[in-house]
N, C-alpha and C. Protein backbone atom coordinates (compact mmCIF):
# COMPACT_ATOMS: atom_id res chain seq x y z
N MET A 1 -52.09 -56.43 8.03
CA MET A 1 -50.85 -57.00 8.54
C MET A 1 -49.71 -55.67 8.98
N ALA A 2 -49.19 -56.36 9.98
CA ALA A 2 -48.12 -55.42 10.82
C ALA A 2 -46.93 -55.03 10.14
N ALA A 3 -46.63 -53.68 10.29
CA ALA A 3 -45.25 -53.28 9.67
C ALA A 3 -43.95 -54.13 10.25
N THR A 4 -43.02 -54.88 9.31
CA THR A 4 -42.18 -55.58 9.82
C THR A 4 -40.91 -54.77 9.30
N LEU A 5 -39.60 -55.12 9.97
CA LEU A 5 -38.46 -54.28 9.78
C LEU A 5 -37.29 -55.51 9.92
N LYS A 6 -36.40 -55.36 9.08
CA LYS A 6 -35.37 -56.21 8.97
C LYS A 6 -34.12 -55.61 9.17
N ALA A 7 -32.92 -56.07 9.90
CA ALA A 7 -31.44 -55.75 10.01
C ALA A 7 -30.64 -55.41 8.70
N SER A 8 -29.55 -54.59 8.68
CA SER A 8 -29.01 -54.21 7.53
C SER A 8 -27.62 -55.31 8.12
N GLN A 9 -26.85 -55.60 7.13
CA GLN A 9 -25.58 -56.39 7.62
C GLN A 9 -24.63 -55.13 8.57
N LYS A 10 -24.82 -53.97 8.15
CA LYS A 10 -23.68 -53.14 8.74
C LYS A 10 -24.78 -53.10 10.38
N GLY A 11 -26.14 -52.90 10.55
CA GLY A 11 -26.39 -52.94 11.61
C GLY A 11 -26.39 -53.89 12.56
N LEU A 12 -26.07 -55.27 12.08
CA LEU A 12 -26.05 -56.49 12.68
C LEU A 12 -24.57 -56.28 13.40
N GLY A 13 -23.46 -55.62 12.64
CA GLY A 13 -22.57 -55.46 13.12
C GLY A 13 -22.45 -54.65 14.60
N ILE A 14 -23.24 -53.70 14.33
CA ILE A 14 -23.22 -52.76 15.46
C ILE A 14 -23.91 -53.45 16.75
N VAL A 15 -25.10 -53.96 16.42
CA VAL A 15 -25.87 -54.96 17.68
C VAL A 15 -24.46 -56.02 18.04
N GLU A 16 -23.71 -56.59 17.39
CA GLU A 16 -22.89 -57.93 17.72
C GLU A 16 -22.00 -56.94 18.78
N THR A 17 -21.39 -55.96 18.35
CA THR A 17 -20.64 -55.33 19.37
C THR A 17 -21.47 -54.85 20.78
N ALA A 18 -22.65 -54.29 20.33
CA ALA A 18 -23.21 -54.01 21.78
C ALA A 18 -23.73 -55.46 22.76
N ARG A 19 -23.96 -56.53 21.94
CA ARG A 19 -24.17 -57.63 22.53
C ARG A 19 -22.86 -58.19 23.25
N CYS A 20 -21.85 -58.27 22.43
CA CYS A 20 -20.61 -58.41 23.35
C CYS A 20 -20.27 -58.09 24.56
N GLN A 21 -20.39 -56.59 24.27
CA GLN A 21 -20.44 -55.57 25.64
C GLN A 21 -20.77 -56.36 27.13
N LYS A 22 -22.27 -56.91 26.85
CA LYS A 22 -23.06 -57.24 27.70
C LYS A 22 -22.65 -58.70 28.03
N GLY A 23 -21.85 -59.52 27.20
CA GLY A 23 -21.57 -60.74 27.37
C GLY A 23 -22.72 -61.86 27.01
N TRP A 24 -23.41 -61.40 26.12
CA TRP A 24 -24.72 -61.97 25.79
C TRP A 24 -24.15 -63.10 24.75
N VAL A 25 -24.97 -64.29 24.52
CA VAL A 25 -24.90 -64.76 23.06
C VAL A 25 -25.64 -64.47 22.27
N GLN A 26 -25.86 -64.87 20.81
CA GLN A 26 -26.62 -64.17 19.93
C GLN A 26 -28.27 -64.46 20.34
N ARG A 27 -28.53 -65.52 20.78
CA ARG A 27 -29.73 -66.21 20.86
C ARG A 27 -30.10 -66.13 22.71
N GLU A 28 -29.58 -65.22 23.44
CA GLU A 28 -29.72 -65.16 24.65
C GLU A 28 -31.11 -65.34 25.44
N LYS A 29 -31.66 -66.28 25.99
CA LYS A 29 -32.81 -66.35 26.57
C LYS A 29 -33.30 -65.09 27.15
N ALA A 30 -32.20 -64.60 28.09
CA ALA A 30 -32.51 -63.42 28.84
C ALA A 30 -32.52 -62.06 27.90
N TRP A 31 -32.01 -61.92 27.06
CA TRP A 31 -32.51 -60.77 25.98
C TRP A 31 -33.82 -61.06 25.67
N ALA A 32 -34.03 -62.38 25.03
CA ALA A 32 -35.19 -62.19 24.61
C ALA A 32 -36.51 -62.09 25.61
N ASP A 33 -36.11 -62.49 26.82
CA ASP A 33 -37.26 -62.32 27.78
C ASP A 33 -37.12 -60.64 28.02
N LEU A 34 -36.23 -60.31 28.02
CA LEU A 34 -36.26 -58.81 28.51
C LEU A 34 -36.70 -57.84 27.36
N ALA A 35 -36.34 -58.36 26.35
CA ALA A 35 -36.99 -57.58 25.04
C ALA A 35 -38.44 -58.13 24.66
N GLU A 36 -39.07 -59.02 25.75
CA GLU A 36 -40.29 -59.67 25.37
C GLU A 36 -40.80 -60.00 24.09
N VAL A 37 -39.65 -60.72 23.62
CA VAL A 37 -40.01 -61.52 22.50
C VAL A 37 -39.55 -62.97 22.43
N SER A 38 -39.61 -64.06 21.73
CA SER A 38 -39.38 -65.25 21.88
C SER A 38 -38.14 -65.34 21.06
N GLU A 39 -37.50 -66.68 21.60
CA GLU A 39 -36.10 -66.73 21.35
C GLU A 39 -36.05 -66.96 19.55
N SER A 40 -37.09 -67.42 19.28
CA SER A 40 -37.24 -67.61 17.80
C SER A 40 -36.98 -66.17 16.80
N THR A 41 -37.83 -65.47 17.66
CA THR A 41 -37.92 -64.14 17.37
C THR A 41 -36.68 -63.40 16.72
N LEU A 42 -35.70 -63.50 18.18
CA LEU A 42 -34.49 -63.09 18.07
C LEU A 42 -33.66 -63.83 17.18
N GLY A 43 -33.78 -65.11 16.93
CA GLY A 43 -33.17 -65.86 15.86
C GLY A 43 -33.27 -65.41 14.34
N ARG A 44 -34.65 -65.11 14.12
CA ARG A 44 -35.12 -64.50 12.76
C ARG A 44 -34.27 -62.92 12.82
N PHE A 45 -34.23 -62.15 13.82
CA PHE A 45 -33.16 -61.01 13.80
C PHE A 45 -32.42 -61.33 13.20
N TRP A 46 -31.18 -62.44 13.86
CA TRP A 46 -29.80 -62.18 13.26
C TRP A 46 -29.85 -62.86 11.82
N LEU A 47 -30.96 -63.50 11.52
CA LEU A 47 -30.73 -64.21 10.01
C LEU A 47 -31.34 -63.13 9.08
N GLN A 48 -31.51 -61.78 9.25
CA GLN A 48 -31.98 -60.81 8.58
C GLN A 48 -33.26 -60.92 8.01
N ARG A 49 -34.03 -61.52 8.55
CA ARG A 49 -35.27 -61.72 8.40
C ARG A 49 -36.25 -60.58 8.74
N ALA A 50 -37.36 -60.45 8.27
CA ALA A 50 -38.29 -59.32 8.70
C ALA A 50 -39.14 -59.94 9.74
N ILE A 51 -39.29 -58.84 10.84
CA ILE A 51 -40.20 -59.29 12.16
C ILE A 51 -40.60 -58.08 12.46
N LYS A 52 -41.70 -58.29 13.15
CA LYS A 52 -42.61 -56.85 13.53
C LYS A 52 -41.94 -56.11 14.25
N SER A 53 -42.40 -54.57 13.60
CA SER A 53 -41.10 -53.65 13.77
C SER A 53 -41.52 -53.26 15.51
N ASP A 54 -42.20 -53.54 16.44
CA ASP A 54 -42.58 -53.45 17.62
C ASP A 54 -41.34 -54.17 18.02
N ASN A 55 -41.49 -55.52 17.82
CA ASN A 55 -40.20 -56.57 18.23
C ASN A 55 -39.14 -56.10 17.99
N PHE A 56 -38.70 -55.84 16.90
CA PHE A 56 -37.46 -55.39 16.04
C PHE A 56 -36.56 -53.96 17.00
N LYS A 57 -37.62 -53.17 17.23
CA LYS A 57 -37.09 -52.07 18.25
C LYS A 57 -37.10 -52.42 19.77
N SER A 58 -37.53 -53.34 20.09
CA SER A 58 -37.30 -53.78 21.42
C SER A 58 -36.23 -54.60 21.66
N ILE A 59 -35.79 -55.33 20.45
CA ILE A 59 -34.57 -56.14 20.48
C ILE A 59 -33.25 -55.15 20.57
N CYS A 60 -33.34 -54.03 19.85
CA CYS A 60 -32.33 -53.09 19.78
C CYS A 60 -32.05 -52.36 21.04
N GLU A 61 -33.51 -52.02 21.27
CA GLU A 61 -33.12 -51.19 22.55
C GLU A 61 -32.86 -51.72 23.89
N THR A 62 -33.35 -53.08 24.08
CA THR A 62 -32.66 -54.19 24.89
C THR A 62 -31.18 -54.17 25.20
N VAL A 63 -30.53 -54.20 23.85
CA VAL A 63 -29.23 -54.33 23.98
C VAL A 63 -28.58 -52.94 24.10
N GLY A 64 -29.29 -52.02 23.72
CA GLY A 64 -28.55 -50.62 23.98
C GLY A 64 -28.36 -49.81 22.94
N VAL A 65 -28.84 -50.32 21.32
CA VAL A 65 -28.39 -49.56 20.37
C VAL A 65 -29.93 -48.88 19.86
N ASN A 66 -29.64 -47.93 19.13
CA ASN A 66 -30.88 -47.25 18.39
C ASN A 66 -31.61 -48.09 17.21
N TRP A 67 -32.57 -48.28 17.09
CA TRP A 67 -32.81 -49.09 16.09
C TRP A 67 -32.95 -48.54 14.56
N ASN A 68 -32.58 -47.32 14.76
CA ASN A 68 -32.83 -46.62 13.28
C ASN A 68 -31.33 -46.87 12.56
N ASP A 69 -30.28 -47.05 13.44
CA ASP A 69 -29.02 -47.26 12.98
C ASP A 69 -28.73 -48.83 12.97
N ILE A 70 -29.95 -49.53 12.72
CA ILE A 70 -29.79 -50.84 12.67
C ILE A 70 -30.82 -51.45 11.49
N VAL A 71 -31.67 -50.73 11.27
CA VAL A 71 -32.70 -51.47 9.79
C VAL A 71 -32.23 -51.13 8.55
N GLU A 72 -32.64 -52.08 7.87
CA GLU A 72 -31.94 -52.19 6.38
C GLU A 72 -33.04 -51.08 5.79
N GLU A 73 -32.71 -50.07 5.27
CA GLU A 73 -33.36 -49.24 4.66
C GLU A 73 -34.07 -49.85 3.00
N PRO A 74 -35.33 -49.69 2.92
CA PRO A 74 -35.88 -50.06 1.59
C PRO A 74 -35.37 -49.57 0.38
N PRO A 75 -35.29 -50.49 -0.87
CA PRO A 75 -34.54 -49.87 -1.76
C PRO A 75 -34.84 -48.13 -2.24
N LEU A 76 -34.54 -47.47 -3.09
CA LEU A 76 -34.94 -46.12 -3.74
C LEU A 76 -36.36 -46.26 -4.27
N GLU A 77 -36.47 -47.65 -5.33
CA GLU A 77 -37.65 -47.35 -5.73
C GLU A 77 -38.94 -47.24 -4.99
N ILE A 78 -38.60 -48.42 -3.81
CA ILE A 78 -39.81 -48.72 -2.98
C ILE A 78 -39.82 -47.55 -2.46
N ALA A 79 -38.99 -46.72 -1.81
CA ALA A 79 -39.05 -45.63 -0.96
C ALA A 79 -39.76 -44.56 -1.45
N ASN A 80 -39.53 -44.25 -2.60
CA ASN A 80 -40.16 -43.14 -3.34
C ASN A 80 -40.63 -43.64 -5.10
N PRO A 81 -41.76 -44.20 -5.01
CA PRO A 81 -42.42 -44.48 -6.05
C PRO A 81 -42.63 -43.77 -7.07
N LEU A 82 -42.83 -42.57 -6.77
CA LEU A 82 -42.77 -41.29 -7.87
C LEU A 82 -41.76 -41.28 -8.72
N SER A 83 -40.42 -41.37 -8.25
CA SER A 83 -39.02 -41.57 -8.93
C SER A 83 -38.94 -42.40 -10.07
N SER A 84 -39.60 -43.28 -10.16
CA SER A 84 -39.86 -44.21 -11.28
C SER A 84 -39.53 -43.70 -12.46
N PRO A 85 -38.80 -44.01 -13.21
CA PRO A 85 -38.44 -43.81 -14.68
C PRO A 85 -39.87 -44.18 -15.59
N ASN A 86 -40.20 -45.34 -15.27
CA ASN A 86 -41.99 -45.87 -16.09
C ASN A 86 -43.13 -44.80 -15.73
N ARG A 87 -42.49 -43.61 -14.82
CA ARG A 87 -43.82 -42.68 -14.77
C ARG A 87 -44.09 -41.96 -16.05
N LEU A 88 -45.54 -41.65 -16.18
CA LEU A 88 -45.74 -40.97 -17.69
C LEU A 88 -45.23 -39.53 -17.30
N SER A 89 -44.71 -38.58 -18.38
CA SER A 89 -44.67 -37.24 -18.21
C SER A 89 -46.08 -36.57 -18.56
N SER A 90 -46.01 -35.58 -17.60
CA SER A 90 -47.18 -34.92 -17.86
C SER A 90 -47.10 -33.65 -19.14
């Protein structure tokens, strides 16, 4: 299974600003074409659904933003499972 990413709410605001500066609509066919993704993938991006990481990065780069500033970070428990309070003490 391919790695997936989804946009944070704050990230979508950053993309929205960049999109408006280009004069594009949210599901701009030209944007999808330049990013080499489908229009439906671009739509899923705006709905904050997980999409393939390569597509996510391409959408961000095409509109001129750093994907690292847009991506939703995983919850701390998932990011570092060793910090779980249920972990047995040695």
